[in-house]
PDB file of N, CA and C in Angstrom:
ATOM      1  N   MET A   1      -1.664  -4.884  15.010  1.00  0.00           N
ATOM      2  CA  MET A   1      -0.612  -4.238  13.868  1.00  0.00           C
ATOM      3  C   MET A   1       0.240  -3.266  14.358  1.00  0.00           C
ATOM      4  N   ALA A   2       1.760  -3.024  13.612  1.00  0.00           N
ATOM      5  CA  ALA A   2       2.614  -1.956  13.812  1.00  0.00           C
ATOM      6  C   ALA A   2       1.952  -0.990  13.844  1.00  0.00           C
ATOM      7  N   ASN A   3       2.851   0.168  14.108  1.00  0.00           N
ATOM      8  CA  ASN A   3       2.439   1.516  13.612  1.00  0.00           C
ATOM      9  C   ASN A   3       2.037   1.811  12.336  1.00  0.00           C
ATOM     10  N   VAL A   4       0.987   2.044  11.795  1.00  0.00           N
ATOM     11  CA  VAL A   4       0.966   1.725  10.674  1.00  0.00           C
ATOM     12  C   VAL A   4      -0.268   3.129  10.417  1.00  0.00           C
ATOM     13  N   SER A   5      -0.417   3.700   8.968  1.00  0.00           N
ATOM     14  CA  SER A   5      -1.824   4.578   8.968  1.00  0.00           C
ATOM     15  C   SER A   5      -2.253   4.239   7.583  1.00  0.00           C
ATOM     16  N   SER A   6      -3.539   3.664   8.000  1.00  0.00           N
ATOM     17  CA  SER A   6      -4.521   3.059   6.996  1.00  0.00           C
ATOM     18  C   SER A   6      -4.637   4.391   5.953  1.00  0.00           C
ATOM     19  N   HIS A   7      -4.803   4.489   4.829  1.00  0.00           N
ATOM     20  CA  HIS A   7      -5.476   5.488   4.002  1.00  0.00           C
ATOM     21  C   HIS A   7      -6.278   4.940   2.934  1.00  0.00           C
ATOM     22  N   VAL A   8      -6.586   5.827   2.148  1.00  0.00           N
ATOM     23  CA  VAL A   8      -7.882   5.650   1.188  1.00  0.00           C
ATOM     24  C   VAL A   8      -7.267   6.882   0.238  1.00  0.00           C
ATOM     25  N   HIS A   9      -7.758   6.248  -1.241  1.00  0.00           N
ATOM     26  CA  HIS A   9      -7.456   7.437  -2.296  1.00  0.00           C
ATOM     27  C   HIS A   9      -8.754   7.006  -2.963  1.00  0.00           C
ATOM     28  N   LYS A  10      -9.937   8.185  -2.697  1.00  0.00           N
ATOM     29  CA  LYS A  10     -11.176   7.853  -3.221  1.00  0.00           C
ATOM     30  C   LYS A  10     -11.076   7.818  -4.885  1.00  0.00           C
ATOM     31  N   ASP A  11     -10.430   8.770  -5.570  1.00  0.00           N
ATOM     32  CA  ASP A  11     -10.181   8.775  -6.897  1.00  0.00           C
ATOM     33  C   ASP A  11      -9.482   8.273  -7.848  1.00  0.00           C
ATOM     34  N   ALA A  12      -8.771   6.909  -7.135  1.00  0.00           N
ATOM     35  CA  ALA A  12      -7.129   6.703  -7.967  1.00  0.00           C
ATOM     36  C   ALA A  12      -6.991   5.362  -7.553  1.00  0.00           C
ATOM     37  N   GLU A  13      -7.109   4.273  -8.611  1.00  0.00           N
ATOM     38  CA  GLU A  13      -6.342   3.374  -8.037  1.00  0.00           C
ATOM     39  C   GLU A  13      -4.875   3.251  -8.107  1.00  0.00           C
ATOM     40  N   GLU A  14      -4.212   2.059  -7.200  1.00  0.00           N
ATOM     41  CA  GLU A  14      -2.859   1.948  -7.050  1.00  0.00           C
ATOM     42  C   GLU A  14      -2.237   0.653  -7.118  1.00  0.00           C
ATOM     43  N   VAL A  15      -1.290   0.354  -7.594  1.00  0.00           N
ATOM     44  CA  VAL A  15      -0.370  -0.983  -7.695  1.00  0.00           C
ATOM     45  C   VAL A  15       0.985  -0.643  -7.038  1.00  0.00           C
ATOM     46  N   ILE A  16       0.891  -1.335  -6.319  1.00  0.00           N
ATOM     47  CA  ILE A  16       2.087  -1.706  -5.277  1.00  0.00           C
ATOM     48  C   ILE A  16       3.158  -3.175  -6.009  1.00  0.00           C
ATOM     49  N   TYR A  17       4.405  -2.762  -5.921  1.00  0.00           N
ATOM     50  CA  TYR A  17       5.014  -4.044  -6.585  1.00  0.00           C
ATOM     51  C   TYR A  17       6.635  -3.616  -5.315  1.00  0.00           C
ATOM     52  N   ILE A  18       6.637  -4.632  -4.945  1.00  0.00           N
ATOM     53  CA  ILE A  18       8.022  -5.151  -4.332  1.00  0.00           C
ATOM     54  C   ILE A  18       9.158  -5.298  -5.024  1.00  0.00           C
ATOM     55  N   LEU A  19      10.193  -4.432  -4.890  1.00  0.00           N
ATOM     56  CA  LEU A  19      11.514  -4.665  -5.732  1.00  0.00           C
ATOM     57  C   LEU A  19      12.513  -5.324  -5.263  1.00  0.00           C
ATOM     58  N   LYS A  20      12.292  -5.505  -3.629  1.00  0.00           N
ATOM     59  CA  LYS A  20      13.661  -6.182  -2.476  1.00  0.00           C
ATOM     60  C   LYS A  20      12.827  -6.014  -1.536  1.00  0.00           C
ATOM     61  N   GLY A  21      13.170  -7.454  -0.878  1.00  0.00           N
ATOM     62  CA  GLY A  21      12.701  -7.304   0.768  1.00  0.00           C
ATOM     63  C   GLY A  21      11.372  -7.985   1.082  1.00  0.00           C
ATOM     64  N   ARG A  22      10.596  -7.430   1.949  1.00  0.00           N
ATOM     65  CA  ARG A  22       9.385  -8.169   2.306  1.00  0.00           C
ATOM     66  C   ARG A  22       8.739  -6.970   3.340  1.00  0.00           C
ATOM     67  N   GLY A  23       7.230  -7.297   3.417  1.00  0.00           N
ATOM     68  CA  GLY A  23       6.631  -6.650   4.261  1.00  0.00           C
ATOM     69  C   GLY A  23       5.175  -6.556   4.243  1.00  0.00           C
ATOM     70  N   ILE A  24       4.306  -6.068   4.897  1.00  0.00           N
ATOM     71  CA  ILE A  24       2.859  -6.660   5.261  1.00  0.00           C
ATOM     72  C   ILE A  24       2.186  -5.766   4.598  1.00  0.00           C
ATOM     73  N   SER A  25       1.351  -6.164   3.706  1.00  0.00           N
ATOM     74  CA  SER A  25       0.176  -5.386   2.910  1.00  0.00           C
ATOM     75  C   SER A  25      -1.422  -5.497   3.603  1.00  0.00           C
ATOM     76  N   GLY A  26      -1.950  -4.688   3.791  1.00  0.00           N
ATOM     77  CA  GLY A  26      -3.277  -5.001   4.233  1.00  0.00           C
ATOM     78  C   GLY A  26      -4.358  -4.088   3.146  1.00  0.00           C
ATOM     79  N   LEU A  27      -5.402  -4.851   2.828  1.00  0.00           N
ATOM     80  CA  LEU A  27      -6.385  -4.229   2.304  1.00  0.00           C
ATOM     81  C   LEU A  27      -7.768  -4.683   2.982  1.00  0.00           C
ATOM     82  N   VAL A  28      -8.778  -3.942   3.162  1.00  0.00           N
ATOM     83  CA  VAL A  28     -10.052  -3.711   3.888  1.00  0.00           C
ATOM     84  C   VAL A  28      -9.893  -4.635   5.293  1.00  0.00           C
ATOM     85  N   ASP A  29      -9.916  -5.455   5.320  1.00  0.00           N
ATOM     86  CA  ASP A  29      -9.820  -6.111   6.411  1.00  0.00           C
ATOM     87  C   ASP A  29      -9.120  -7.919   6.318  1.00  0.00           C
ATOM     88  N   SER A  30      -8.042  -7.470   5.473  1.00  0.00           N
ATOM     89  CA  SER A  30      -7.043  -8.665   5.701  1.00  0.00           C
ATOM     90  C   SER A  30      -5.830  -8.258   5.378  1.00  0.00           C
ATOM     91  N   GLU A  31      -4.746  -8.965   6.197  1.00  0.00           N
ATOM     92  CA  GLU A  31      -3.357  -8.588   5.695  1.00  0.00           C
ATOM     93  C   GLU A  31      -2.573  -9.970   4.967  1.00  0.00           C
ATOM     94  N   ILE A  32      -1.435  -9.597   4.278  1.00  0.00           N
ATOM     95  CA  ILE A  32      -0.916 -10.849   3.256  1.00  0.00           C
ATOM     96  C   ILE A  32       0.580 -10.026   3.612  1.00  0.00           C
ATOM     97  N   GLU A  33       1.455 -11.178   3.530  1.00  0.00           N
ATOM     98  CA  GLU A  33       3.089 -10.808   3.649  1.00  0.00           C
ATOM     99  C   GLU A  33       3.251 -10.704   2.122  1.00  0.00           C
ATOM    100  N   MET A  34       4.175  -9.760   1.763  1.00  0.00           N
ATOM    101  CA  MET A  34       4.564  -9.473   0.327  1.00  0.00           C
ATOM    102  C   MET A  34       6.293  -9.500  -0.030  1.00  0.00           C
ATOM    103  N   ASN A  35       6.593 -10.413  -0.960  1.00  0.00           N
ATOM    104  CA  ASN A  35       7.749 -10.576  -1.002  1.00  0.00           C
ATOM    105  C   ASN A  35       8.101  -9.721  -2.487  1.00  0.00           C
ATOM    106  N   GLN A  36       9.762 -10.356  -2.685  1.00  0.00           N
ATOM    107  CA  GLN A  36      10.228  -9.486  -3.831  1.00  0.00           C
ATOM    108  C   GLN A  36       9.499 -10.199  -5.122  1.00  0.00           C
ATOM    109  N   GLY A  37       8.898  -9.134  -5.782  1.00  0.00           N
ATOM    110  CA  GLY A  37       8.480  -9.558  -7.331  1.00  0.00           C
ATOM    111  C   GLY A  37       6.580  -9.354  -7.102  1.00  0.00           C
ATOM    112  N   ASP A  38       6.302  -9.598  -5.746  1.00  0.00           N
ATOM    113  CA  ASP A  38       4.983  -9.580  -5.487  1.00  0.00           C
ATOM    114  C   ASP A  38       4.355  -8.040  -6.126  1.00  0.00           C
ATOM    115  N   THR A  39       2.895  -8.372  -6.701  1.00  0.00           N
ATOM    116  CA  THR A  39       2.400  -7.236  -7.183  1.00  0.00           C
ATOM    117  C   THR A  39       1.287  -7.201  -6.240  1.00  0.00           C
ATOM    118  N   MET A  40       0.396  -5.648  -5.768  1.00  0.00           N
ATOM    119  CA  MET A  40      -0.804  -5.856  -5.058  1.00  0.00           C
ATOM    120  C   MET A  40      -1.612  -4.697  -5.865  1.00  0.00           C
ATOM    121  N   PHE A  41      -2.888  -4.921  -6.407  1.00  0.00           N
ATOM    122  CA  PHE A  41      -3.727  -4.056  -6.809  1.00  0.00           C
ATOM    123  C   PHE A  41      -4.560  -3.359  -5.589  1.00  0.00           C
ATOM    124  N   VAL A  42      -4.943  -2.369  -5.381  1.00  0.00           N
ATOM    125  CA  VAL A  42      -5.980  -1.519  -4.481  1.00  0.00           C
ATOM    126  C   VAL A  42      -6.644  -0.774  -5.541  1.00  0.00           C
ATOM    127  N   PRO A  43      -7.927  -1.576  -5.405  1.00  0.00           N
ATOM    128  CA  PRO A  43      -9.134  -0.606  -6.013  1.00  0.00           C
ATOM    129  C   PRO A  43      -9.466   0.865  -5.281  1.00  0.00           C
ATOM    130  N   ARG A  44      -9.683   1.820  -6.401  1.00  0.00           N
ATOM    131  CA  ARG A  44     -10.156   3.503  -5.712  1.00  0.00           C
ATOM    132  C   ARG A  44     -11.020   3.194  -4.596  1.00  0.00           C
ATOM    133  N   GLY A  45     -11.151   3.777  -3.420  1.00  0.00           N
ATOM    134  CA  GLY A  45     -11.687   3.814  -2.375  1.00  0.00           C
ATOM    135  C   GLY A  45     -11.926   2.641  -1.009  1.00  0.00           C
ATOM    136  N   ALA A  46     -10.658   1.892  -1.450  1.00  0.00           N
ATOM    137  CA  ALA A  46     -10.325   0.883  -0.785  1.00  0.00           C
ATOM    138  C   ALA A  46      -9.296   1.044   0.622  1.00  0.00           C
ATOM    139  N   VAL A  47      -9.927   0.657   1.750  1.00  0.00           N
ATOM    140  CA  VAL A  47      -9.045   1.167   2.567  1.00  0.00           C
ATOM    141  C   VAL A  47      -7.599  -0.124   2.763  1.00  0.00           C
ATOM    142  N   HIS A  48      -6.204   0.566   2.825  1.00  0.00           N
ATOM    143  CA  HIS A  48      -5.257  -0.373   2.882  1.00  0.00           C
ATOM    144  C   HIS A  48      -4.382   0.427   3.594  1.00  0.00           C
ATOM    145  N   TRP A  49      -3.215  -0.445   3.547  1.00  0.00           N
ATOM    146  CA  TRP A  49      -1.798  -0.409   4.332  1.00  0.00           C
ATOM    147  C   TRP A  49      -0.609  -0.799   4.363  1.00  0.00           C
ATOM    148  N   PHE A  50       0.490  -0.142   4.588  1.00  0.00           N
ATOM    149  CA  PHE A  50       1.737  -1.260   4.341  1.00  0.00           C
ATOM    150  C   PHE A  50       2.926  -1.328   5.634  1.00  0.00           C
ATOM    151  N   TYR A  51       3.064  -2.081   5.994  1.00  0.00           N
ATOM    152  CA  TYR A  51       4.384  -1.813   6.964  1.00  0.00           C
ATOM    153  C   TYR A  51       5.286  -3.019   6.781  1.00  0.00           C
ATOM    154  N   ASN A  52       6.449  -2.605   7.458  1.00  0.00           N
ATOM    155  CA  ASN A  52       7.457  -3.583   7.593  1.00  0.00           C
ATOM    156  C   ASN A  52       7.981  -3.886   8.617  1.00  0.00           C
ATOM    157  N   PRO A  53       7.573  -5.031   9.225  1.00  0.00           N
ATOM    158  CA  PRO A  53       7.913  -5.459  10.689  1.00  0.00           C
ATOM    159  C   PRO A  53       9.474  -6.295  10.699  1.00  0.00           C
ATOM    160  N   PHE A  54       9.907  -6.322   9.385  1.00  0.00           N
ATOM    161  CA  PHE A  54      11.315  -7.343   9.318  1.00  0.00           C
ATOM    162  C   PHE A  54      12.333  -6.369   9.576  1.00  0.00           C
ATOM    163  N   GLU A  55      13.323  -7.387   9.911  1.00  0.00           N
ATOM    164  CA  GLU A  55      15.222  -6.430   9.997  1.00  0.00           C
ATOM    165  C   GLU A  55      15.278  -5.701   8.323  1.00  0.00           C
ATOM    166  N   GLU A  56      15.141  -6.612   7.339  1.00  0.00           N
ATOM    167  CA  GLU A  56      15.810  -6.201   6.250  1.00  0.00           C
ATOM    168  C   GLU A  56      14.914  -5.064   5.882  1.00  0.00           C
ATOM    169  N   PRO A  57      15.556  -4.029   5.284  1.00  0.00           N
ATOM    170  CA  PRO A  57      14.860  -3.097   4.508  1.00  0.00           C
ATOM    171  C   PRO A  57      13.883  -3.767   3.126  1.00  0.00           C
ATOM    172  N   VAL A  58      12.697  -2.870   2.729  1.00  0.00           N
ATOM    173  CA  VAL A  58      12.066  -3.414   1.821  1.00  0.00           C
ATOM    174  C   VAL A  58      12.158  -2.142   0.959  1.00  0.00           C
ATOM    175  N   GLU A  59      12.142  -2.460  -0.573  1.00  0.00           N
ATOM    176  CA  GLU A  59      12.469  -1.548  -1.632  1.00  0.00           C
ATOM    177  C   GLU A  59      11.010  -1.829  -2.656  1.00  0.00           C
ATOM    178  N   MET A  60       9.931  -0.628  -2.518  1.00  0.00           N
ATOM    179  CA  MET A  60       8.928  -0.729  -3.641  1.00  0.00           C
ATOM    180  C   MET A  60       8.499   0.252  -4.315  1.00  0.00           C
ATOM    181  N   ILE A  61       7.573   0.104  -5.355  1.00  0.00           N
ATOM    182  CA  ILE A  61       7.075   0.917  -6.214  1.00  0.00           C
ATOM    183  C   ILE A  61       5.683   1.148  -5.938  1.00  0.00           C
ATOM    184  N   PHE A  62       5.560   2.191  -5.764  1.00  0.00           N
ATOM    185  CA  PHE A  62       3.833   2.604  -5.881  1.00  0.00           C
ATOM    186  C   PHE A  62       3.134   3.391  -6.863  1.00  0.00           C
ATOM    187  N   ILE A  63       2.255   2.936  -7.931  1.00  0.00           N
ATOM    188  CA  ILE A  63       1.562   3.197  -9.021  1.00  0.00           C
ATOM    189  C   ILE A  63       0.497   3.838  -8.993  1.00  0.00           C
ATOM    190  N   TYR A  64      -0.266   5.344  -8.826  1.00  0.00           N
ATOM    191  CA  TYR A  64      -1.139   5.819  -8.846  1.00  0.00           C
ATOM    192  C   TYR A  64      -1.448   6.084 -10.235  1.00  0.00           C
ATOM    193  N   THR A  65      -3.144   5.924 -10.393  1.00  0.00           N
ATOM    194  CA  THR A  65      -3.873   6.392 -11.561  1.00  0.00           C
ATOM    195  C   THR A  65      -4.366   7.928 -11.521  1.00  0.00           C
ATOM    196  N   LYS A  66      -3.553   8.742 -10.616  1.00  0.00           N
ATOM    197  CA  LYS A  66      -3.705  10.008 -11.069  1.00  0.00           C
ATOM    198  C   LYS A  66      -2.019  10.626 -10.881  1.00  0.00           C
ATOM    199  N   PRO A  67      -1.994  11.803 -11.237  1.00  0.00           N
ATOM    200  CA  PRO A  67      -0.772  12.512 -11.353  1.00  0.00           C
ATOM    201  C   PRO A  67      -0.143  12.556  -9.665  1.00  0.00           C
ATOM    202  N   SER A  68      -0.902  12.901  -8.880  1.00  0.00           N
ATOM    203  CA  SER A  68      -0.551  13.485  -7.116  1.00  0.00           C
ATOM    204  C   SER A  68      -1.645  12.750  -6.335  1.00  0.00           C
ATOM    205  N   LEU A  69      -0.953  12.739  -5.071  1.00  0.00           N
ATOM    206  CA  LEU A  69      -1.888  12.377  -4.077  1.00  0.00           C
ATOM    207  C   LEU A  69      -2.923  13.022  -3.991  1.00  0.00           C
ATOM    208  N   LYS A  70      -2.976  14.335  -4.324  1.00  0.00           N
ATOM    209  CA  LYS A  70      -4.059  15.505  -3.911  1.00  0.00           C
ATOM    210  C   LYS A  70      -5.363  15.266  -4.769  1.00  0.00           C
ATOM    211  N   SER A  71      -4.901  14.662  -6.070  1.00  0.00           N
ATOM    212  CA  SER A  71      -5.841  14.283  -6.865  1.00  0.00           C
ATOM    213  C   SER A  71      -6.522  13.011  -6.906  1.00  0.00           C
ATOM    214  N   ALA A  72      -5.815  12.346  -6.287  1.00  0.00           N
ATOM    215  CA  ALA A  72      -6.099  10.901  -6.080  1.00  0.00           C
ATOM    216  C   ALA A  72      -7.326  10.856  -5.003  1.00  0.00           C
ATOM    217  N   GLY A  73      -7.112  11.789  -4.294  1.00  0.00           N
ATOM    218  CA  GLY A  73      -8.158  12.195  -2.810  1.00  0.00           C
ATOM    219  C   GLY A  73      -7.868  11.191  -1.890  1.00  0.00           C
ATOM    220  N   TYR A  74      -6.269  11.363  -1.640  1.00  0.00           N
ATOM    221  CA  TYR A  74      -5.735  10.469  -0.659  1.00  0.00           C
ATOM    222  C   TYR A  74      -6.080  11.039   0.539  1.00  0.00           C
ATOM    223  N   ARG A  75      -6.390  10.492   1.601  1.00  0.00           N
ATOM    224  CA  ARG A  75      -6.597  10.717   3.180  1.00  0.00           C
ATOM    225  C   ARG A  75      -6.124   9.462   3.938  1.00  0.00           C
ATOM    226  N   VAL A  76      -5.640  10.053   5.288  1.00  0.00           N
ATOM    227  CA  VAL A  76      -5.019   8.827   6.384  1.00  0.00           C
ATOM    228  C   VAL A  76      -6.710   8.499   6.935  1.00  0.00           C
ATOM    229  N   VAL A  77      -6.989   7.142   7.285  1.00  0.00           N
ATOM    230  CA  VAL A  77      -7.861   6.644   7.921  1.00  0.00           C
ATOM    231  C   VAL A  77      -7.735   6.345   9.265  1.00  0.00           C
ATOM    232  N   GLU A  78      -8.156   6.932  10.407  1.00  0.00           N
ATOM    233  CA  GLU A  78      -8.311   6.337  11.528  1.00  0.00           C
ATOM    234  C   GLU A  78      -8.981   4.880  11.928  1.00  0.00           C
TER     235      GLU A  78
END
């Protein structure tokens, strides 16, 4: 895996939507390539990550069900 920080937010769900480009999204113990128009739902408490090993940039939106990362319980997982 590339230089990636796995993380978790125990108090919030997350939706990832790819506006442009592509990248690799991981959830628990699997990875998939996400492309323009793809959406991923991340349940609260699930370890996940995203990285872009491709040359083109990726534009994406992250939506959390809490107003801040602090209130979501965001923390990096080693």
